[in-house]
Amino acid sequence: MIVRPARTADLPGILGLAAEVEHWFGPMTDEPGFHRALDTHVRRGTALVALPPGGEPAGGLLFGPDGPPYHVEWLVVAERVRGRGVGRLLMAEAERRFVRTPGAIEVVTFGPDHPGAVASGARVPPRPPNRARRAAPGSSTAGPEPYGRYVNPGTGRTPWGEDRRPGGCGSGSRVSRGRADGRARRVSVSPRSRVPVFPCSRVPVFPCPYGGSVRRVALLAATLMISTGLAAAPSAATPAGSVTLFSGSDCPADSLCLYRHRGFTGGGVAIGPDTYVERLADHGFDDRMSSWSNETGQICDWWTEYGRGGTIHDLRDGRRADLPRAQNDTASSVECW
């Protein structure tokens, strides 16, 4: 079994993996948003596949490398090879390739009471509060109606990213955080659970079915950003596929807003969900961005150059941040998906 970056030719095999878990995680293979998410990860080199000799992909992983904290966005292993360490191989390769600075690797996994779960030896903390799970990356459908409330009704995203239906995919779920420093690795559960850290040798082979869509734990701050809670949004929303300018701090609801000044002031540009902007300067925003906020209900990516060029940064849903002063040149490109 080898693990390597996914290529365009691997997409049918990855979609085949997704099809194996749609009955738990909702539509993916026919979701344009999920296809866009796959394309984006393949294009930027953050999709990995596990391949047996001469065979179709046995596992796939989408990784959010813009950390710390880092994020496993999606992980699926084919039913035929579950329980054989394929998930462990994918995680190890993702850490080797993408983790460059000390920080947490965050992923939502599922407890042993899930039907078909593989015993891993990992410690399962007390159950977190009831929440509804989010859909697969890029998906606009959250699958079967779960208990709890959504953060965003369109995507079903929540800070816990789990399905709390009795006996469902998130029953007894745990939130794990893997510490990586380039030498030793540790995995711990969310601080809320008060369960001790366990060593990397006990990192779980992810319970079947793989494919739990991953969501970062709320309240954790990236090392290079100052994160604060989002202010109350105005009632007017920016529709999907739109780009508009705004003044002051009047960021429209349901938008990614790029502000000219630190402290979320100075006006700027608002980008709606499911929007790709190849060149922000074409929309009247060729200034420097010094802060941002994201209420799209989606992951948004910002590139330092036009046409998805240069360095990529994750702008996570439900967060806002002042950029370090060395990272405020943003006459570039943006995509929310």
Protein backbone atom coordinates (compact mmCIF):
# COMPACT_ATOMS: atom_id res chain seq x y z
CA MET A 1 0.00 0.00 0.00
CA ILE A 2 1.37 3.42 -0.96
CA VAL A 3 0.05 6.85 0.03
CA ARG A 4 0.58 9.78 -2.34
CA PRO A 5 -1.08 13.06 -3.34
CA ALA A 6 -4.28 12.51 -5.30
CA ARG A 7 -4.37 13.29 -9.01
CA THR A 8 -7.23 14.14 -11.32
CA ALA A 9 -7.26 10.54 -12.53
CA ASP A 10 -7.97 9.42 -8.95
CA LEU A 11 -11.21 11.39 -8.65
CA PRO A 12 -13.52 8.56 -9.83
CA GLY A 13 -11.96 6.27 -7.23
CA ILE A 14 -12.38 8.87 -4.48
CA LEU A 15 -16.02 9.36 -5.46
CA GLY A 16 -16.39 5.59 -5.24
CA LEU A 17 -15.17 5.77 -1.64
CA ALA A 18 -17.65 8.55 -0.93
CA ALA A 19 -20.47 6.45 -2.36
CA GLU A 20 -19.76 3.76 0.23
CA VAL A 21 -20.65 6.07 3.12
CA GLU A 22 -23.43 8.24 1.70
CA HIS A 23 -26.04 6.30 3.65
CA TRP A 24 -24.45 7.71 6.81
CA PHE A 25 -23.13 11.08 5.73
CA GLY A 26 -25.52 12.29 3.07
CA PRO A 27 -25.12 12.94 -0.67
CA MET A 28 -21.61 13.50 -1.96
CA THR A 29 -21.13 11.87 -5.37
CA ASP A 30 -23.83 14.01 -7.01
CA GLU A 31 -23.10 17.18 -5.02
CA PRO A 32 -21.40 19.90 -7.13
CA GLY A 33 -20.02 21.43 -3.95
CA PHE A 34 -18.31 18.20 -2.97
CA HIS A 35 -16.82 17.90 -6.46
CA ARG A 36 -15.49 21.46 -6.14
CA ALA A 37 -14.00 20.62 -2.74
CA LEU A 38 -12.23 17.59 -4.21
CA ASP A 39 -10.95 19.60 -7.17
CA THR A 40 -9.62 22.31 -4.85
CA HIS A 41 -7.79 19.85 -2.61
CA VAL A 42 -6.31 17.97 -5.57
CA ARG A 43 -5.21 21.22 -7.20
CA ARG A 44 -3.46 22.49 -4.08
CA GLY A 45 -1.99 19.07 -3.21
CA THR A 46 -3.86 18.52 0.07
CA ALA A 47 -5.75 15.39 -1.01
CA LEU A 48 -4.10 12.03 -0.34
CA VAL A 49 -5.00 8.55 -1.57
CA ALA A 50 -3.94 5.11 -0.37
CA LEU A 51 -3.36 2.74 -3.28
CA PRO A 52 -2.78 -1.03 -3.28
CA PRO A 53 -0.57 -2.35 -6.10
CA GLY A 54 -2.45 -1.95 -9.38
CA GLY A 55 -5.75 -1.26 -7.65
CA GLU A 56 -8.33 1.45 -7.08
CA PRO A 57 -7.94 3.86 -4.13
CA ALA A 58 -8.43 2.07 -0.82
CA GLY A 59 -8.65 5.30 1.15
CA GLY A 60 -8.69 9.05 0.77
CA LEU A 61 -8.03 12.07 2.98
CA LEU A 62 -8.56 15.83 2.58
CA PHE A 63 -6.32 17.90 4.85
CA GLY A 64 -6.53 21.52 5.99
CA PRO A 65 -2.85 22.54 6.22
CA ASP A 66 -3.27 26.19 7.12
CA GLY A 67 -2.53 25.83 10.81
CA PRO A 68 -1.97 25.46 13.57
CA PRO A 69 -4.43 24.08 14.38
CA TYR A 70 -4.49 21.72 11.38
CA HIS A 71 -7.64 19.91 10.28
CA VAL A 72 -8.56 16.56 8.80
CA GLU A 73 -11.48 17.63 6.62
CA TRP A 74 -12.52 14.19 5.35
CA LEU A 75 -11.26 10.64 5.72
CA VAL A 76 -12.73 7.51 4.11
CA VAL A 77 -11.39 3.96 3.87
CA ALA A 78 -12.91 1.35 1.54
CA GLU A 79 -15.03 -1.26 3.27
CA ARG A 80 -12.90 -4.08 1.90
CA VAL A 81 -9.80 -2.94 3.82
CA ARG A 82 -11.22 -1.39 6.98
CA GLY A 83 -9.45 -2.28 10.18
CA ARG A 84 -6.10 -2.88 8.45
CA GLY A 85 -4.37 0.40 9.26
CA VAL A 86 -5.10 2.31 6.04
CA GLY A 87 -6.45 5.28 7.99
CA ARG A 88 -3.32 5.29 10.12
CA LEU A 89 -1.14 5.38 6.99
CA LEU A 90 -3.09 8.31 5.58
CA MET A 91 -2.82 10.26 8.83
CA ALA A 92 0.91 9.60 9.14
CA GLU A 93 1.55 10.79 5.57
CA ALA A 94 -0.60 13.89 6.08
CA GLU A 95 1.41 14.83 9.15
CA ARG A 96 4.71 14.22 7.37
CA ARG A 97 3.73 16.36 4.39
CA PHE A 98 1.69 19.18 5.86
CA VAL A 99 2.60 19.76 9.51
CA ARG A 100 5.46 22.24 9.58
CA THR A 101 5.08 23.95 12.97
CA PRO A 102 3.98 22.78 16.42
CA GLY A 103 0.22 22.69 16.75
CA ALA A 104 -2.92 20.60 17.03
CA ILE A 105 -4.31 18.25 14.40
CA GLU A 106 -8.05 18.23 14.97
CA VAL A 107 -10.48 15.57 13.82
CA VAL A 108 -13.89 14.31 14.88
CA THR A 109 -14.08 10.53 15.16
CA PHE A 110 -16.85 8.21 16.30
CA GLY A 111 -17.38 6.04 19.34
CA PRO A 112 -17.40 2.24 19.55
CA ASP A 113 -21.19 2.02 19.71
CA HIS A 114 -21.39 3.00 16.05
CA PRO A 115 -22.53 0.03 13.91
CA GLY A 116 -19.47 -1.52 12.28
CA ALA A 117 -16.94 0.43 14.32
CA VAL A 118 -13.44 -1.00 14.57
CA ALA A 119 -11.94 -1.26 18.06
CA SER A 120 -8.92 1.03 18.28
CA GLY A 121 -7.87 1.13 21.92
CA ALA A 122 -8.46 4.87 21.95
CA ARG A 123 -10.03 6.38 25.01
CA VAL A 124 -13.57 7.63 24.52
CA PRO A 125 -14.40 10.62 26.73
CA PRO A 126 -17.84 11.53 28.06
CA ARG A 127 -20.25 12.46 25.31
CA PRO A 128 -20.28 16.10 24.32
CA PRO A 129 -23.51 18.11 24.32
CA ASN A 130 -26.10 17.32 21.67
CA ARG A 131 -25.25 18.88 18.33
CA ALA A 132 -26.15 18.20 14.72
CA ARG A 133 -23.48 17.07 12.31
CA ARG A 134 -22.37 19.02 9.25
CA ALA A 135 -22.43 17.73 5.72
CA ALA A 136 -19.48 16.45 3.72
CA PRO A 137 -16.96 19.08 2.53
CA GLY A 138 -18.57 21.33 -0.06
CA SER A 139 -21.95 19.67 0.35
CA SER A 140 -25.11 21.69 0.75
CA THR A 141 -27.00 18.72 2.16
CA ALA A 142 -26.57 17.42 5.68
CA GLY A 143 -28.21 14.04 5.04
CA PRO A 144 -30.88 12.52 7.30
CA GLU A 145 -32.44 14.97 9.73
CA PRO A 146 -30.35 14.94 12.94
CA TYR A 147 -31.19 16.11 16.41
CA GLY A 148 -29.94 19.45 17.69
CA ARG A 149 -29.58 22.71 15.81
CA TYR A 150 -27.42 23.74 12.89
CA VAL A 151 -24.99 26.61 12.94
CA ASN A 152 -25.91 27.18 9.30
CA PRO A 153 -29.22 25.80 7.99
CA GLY A 154 -27.81 25.43 4.48
CA THR A 155 -24.83 23.25 5.38
CA GLY A 156 -25.64 21.74 8.74
CA ARG A 157 -22.22 22.73 10.06
CA THR A 158 -21.68 22.80 13.81
CA PRO A 159 -18.61 23.21 16.00
CA TRP A 160 -18.74 19.51 16.87
CA GLY A 161 -19.48 18.22 13.36
CA GLU A 162 -21.41 15.21 14.53
CA ASP A 163 -24.68 13.34 14.11
CA ARG A 164 -26.45 12.98 17.45
CA ARG A 165 -29.30 10.70 16.34
CA PRO A 166 -29.71 7.75 18.75
CA GLY A 167 -27.45 5.00 17.39
CA GLY A 168 -26.32 7.30 14.60
CA CYS A 169 -22.88 8.08 13.26
CA GLY A 170 -21.97 10.47 16.05
CA SER A 171 -23.34 8.51 18.96
CA GLY A 172 -20.63 8.52 21.59
CA SER A 173 -18.35 10.59 19.41
CA ARG A 174 -15.10 12.10 20.58
CA VAL A 175 -13.09 15.07 19.43
CA SER A 176 -9.37 14.31 19.15
CA ARG A 177 -6.45 16.67 18.82
CA GLY A 178 -3.09 15.43 17.63
CA ARG A 179 -0.03 17.41 18.70
CA ALA A 180 2.82 17.44 16.19
CA ASP A 181 6.26 18.98 16.72
CA GLY A 182 8.24 17.30 13.95
CA ARG A 183 9.74 14.74 16.35
CA ALA A 184 7.14 13.26 18.69
CA ARG A 185 3.39 13.12 18.32
CA ARG A 186 0.64 13.13 20.90
CA VAL A 187 -3.10 12.91 20.62
CA SER A 188 -5.48 14.28 23.20
CA VAL A 189 -9.20 14.76 23.37
CA SER A 190 -10.92 18.12 23.53
CA PRO A 191 -10.14 20.02 26.75
CA ARG A 192 -13.85 19.92 27.56
CA SER A 193 -13.79 16.16 28.03
CA ARG A 194 -11.10 16.12 30.76
CA VAL A 195 -9.68 12.84 29.49
CA PRO A 196 -5.88 12.42 29.77
CA VAL A 197 -3.57 12.60 26.78
CA PHE A 198 -2.60 9.25 25.28
CA PRO A 199 0.57 8.60 23.24
CA CYS A 200 0.77 8.53 19.47
CA SER A 201 1.15 4.75 19.49
CA ARG A 202 -2.50 4.65 20.44
CA VAL A 203 -3.78 6.99 17.76
CA PRO A 204 -6.90 5.16 16.61
CA VAL A 205 -7.34 3.43 13.31
CA PHE A 206 -10.43 5.42 12.59
CA PRO A 207 -13.69 3.56 13.30
CA CYS A 208 -15.70 2.42 10.31
CA PRO A 209 -17.19 3.86 8.32
CA TYR A 210 -14.54 6.42 7.67
CA GLY A 211 -15.85 9.67 6.28
CA GLY A 212 -16.74 11.68 9.33
CA SER A 213 -16.71 15.25 8.15
CA VAL A 214 -14.35 17.14 10.42
CA ARG A 215 -14.87 20.42 12.14
CA ARG A 216 -12.42 22.34 14.30
CA VAL A 217 -13.39 22.76 17.95
CA ALA A 218 -14.75 26.23 18.70
CA LEU A 219 -12.67 28.51 20.95
CA LEU A 220 -9.28 27.30 19.65
CA ALA A 221 -7.14 30.06 18.14
CA ALA A 222 -4.57 29.72 15.36
CA THR A 223 -1.06 30.67 16.43
CA LEU A 224 -0.63 33.50 13.92
CA MET A 225 -4.06 35.05 14.28
CA ILE A 226 -6.02 36.84 16.99
CA SER A 227 -9.46 35.22 16.91
CA THR A 228 -12.56 36.78 18.42
CA GLY A 229 -16.26 36.06 18.42
CA LEU A 230 -18.26 37.27 15.47
CA ALA A 231 -20.33 40.38 15.99
CA ALA A 232 -24.04 40.33 15.29
CA ALA A 233 -24.62 40.53 11.55
CA PRO A 234 -26.99 42.89 9.77
CA SER A 235 -30.17 41.36 8.41
CA ALA A 236 -29.27 41.77 4.74
CA ALA A 237 -27.42 38.74 3.38
CA THR A 238 -25.00 38.41 0.51
CA PRO A 239 -26.41 35.80 -1.90
CA ALA A 240 -24.37 32.87 -3.16
CA GLY A 241 -22.10 33.69 -6.06
CA SER A 242 -21.97 37.42 -5.33
CA VAL A 243 -19.22 39.97 -4.70
CA THR A 244 -20.17 43.36 -3.21
CA LEU A 245 -18.38 46.30 -1.62
CA PHE A 246 -19.37 47.64 1.82
CA SER A 247 -18.36 50.58 3.98
CA GLY A 248 -17.14 50.83 7.56
CA SER A 249 -17.85 47.64 9.47
CA ASP A 250 -21.15 46.90 7.67
CA CYS A 251 -20.36 43.36 6.59
CA PRO A 252 -23.49 41.75 5.09
CA ALA A 253 -24.80 38.59 6.72
CA ASP A 254 -23.74 35.17 5.43
CA SER A 255 -20.58 36.61 3.86
CA LEU A 256 -16.83 36.42 3.87
CA CYS A 257 -15.76 40.02 4.47
CA LEU A 258 -12.26 41.34 3.80
CA TYR A 259 -11.63 44.64 5.61
CA ARG A 260 -9.12 47.30 4.61
CA HIS A 261 -8.14 48.09 8.22
CA ARG A 262 -7.39 46.09 11.33
CA GLY A 263 -10.20 45.81 13.86
CA PHE A 264 -12.75 44.98 11.13
CA THR A 265 -13.08 48.56 9.91
CA GLY A 266 -12.40 50.63 6.82
CA GLY A 267 -14.91 48.91 4.55
CA GLY A 268 -14.01 46.26 2.06
CA VAL A 269 -15.43 43.47 -0.07
CA ALA A 270 -18.05 40.84 0.80
CA ILE A 271 -18.02 37.44 -0.92
CA GLY A 272 -21.05 35.16 -0.84
CA PRO A 273 -21.06 31.37 -0.46
CA ASP A 274 -20.08 29.17 -3.42
CA THR A 275 -18.08 32.01 -4.98
CA TYR A 276 -14.69 32.03 -6.71
CA VAL A 277 -13.03 35.40 -7.35
CA GLU A 278 -10.03 35.03 -9.65
CA ARG A 279 -8.92 38.64 -9.26
CA LEU A 280 -10.26 40.85 -6.46
CA ALA A 281 -8.99 43.96 -8.22
CA ASP A 282 -11.59 43.37 -10.94
CA HIS A 283 -14.29 43.96 -8.32
CA GLY A 284 -13.00 47.28 -7.05
CA PHE A 285 -10.96 45.86 -4.17
CA ASP A 286 -7.27 46.32 -4.83
CA ASP A 287 -6.45 47.63 -1.38
CA ARG A 288 -4.65 45.86 1.42
CA MET A 289 -6.76 43.60 3.62
CA SER A 290 -5.89 43.81 7.31
CA SER A 291 -8.71 41.76 8.88
CA TRP A 292 -11.43 39.33 7.85
CA SER A 293 -14.60 37.62 9.08
CA ASN A 294 -16.35 34.54 7.71
CA GLU A 295 -20.06 33.85 8.19
CA THR A 296 -20.66 32.01 4.90
CA GLY A 297 -21.19 28.64 6.55
CA GLN A 298 -18.36 27.40 4.32
CA ILE A 299 -14.60 27.11 4.24
CA CYS A 300 -13.04 29.96 2.27
CA ASP A 301 -9.51 30.05 0.85
CA TRP A 302 -7.48 33.19 0.19
CA TRP A 303 -4.46 33.19 -2.14
CA THR A 304 -1.76 35.85 -2.14
CA GLU A 305 -1.72 35.99 -5.96
CA TYR A 306 -4.33 36.09 -8.71
CA GLY A 307 -5.83 32.89 -10.08
CA ARG A 308 -5.19 30.74 -6.99
CA GLY A 309 -1.49 31.53 -7.06
CA GLY A 310 1.03 32.03 -4.29
CA THR A 311 0.37 31.09 -0.67
CA ILE A 312 -3.02 29.74 0.39
CA HIS A 313 -4.71 30.59 3.69
CA ASP A 314 -7.80 28.98 5.23
CA LEU A 315 -10.47 31.47 6.37
CA ARG A 316 -12.56 29.29 8.66
CA ASP A 317 -16.31 29.64 9.01
CA GLY A 318 -17.47 31.24 12.24
CA ARG A 319 -14.23 33.12 12.87
CA ARG A 320 -12.75 36.53 12.35
CA ALA A 321 -9.16 37.63 12.72
CA ASP A 322 -6.73 40.51 12.45
CA LEU A 323 -3.96 39.50 10.08
CA PRO A 324 -0.32 39.76 11.09
CA ARG A 325 1.08 42.91 9.53
CA ALA A 326 3.29 40.88 7.20
CA GLN A 327 0.26 39.15 5.68
CA ASN A 328 -1.97 42.00 4.57
CA ASP A 329 -1.37 42.22 0.82
CA THR A 330 -4.61 40.85 -0.58
CA ALA A 331 -5.16 42.10 -4.10
CA SER A 332 -5.47 38.39 -4.87
CA SER A 333 -8.00 35.56 -5.30
CA VAL A 334 -10.60 34.02 -2.99
CA GLU A 335 -12.88 30.97 -3.06
CA CYS A 336 -15.68 29.91 -0.69
CA TRP A 337 -16.83 26.31 -1.06
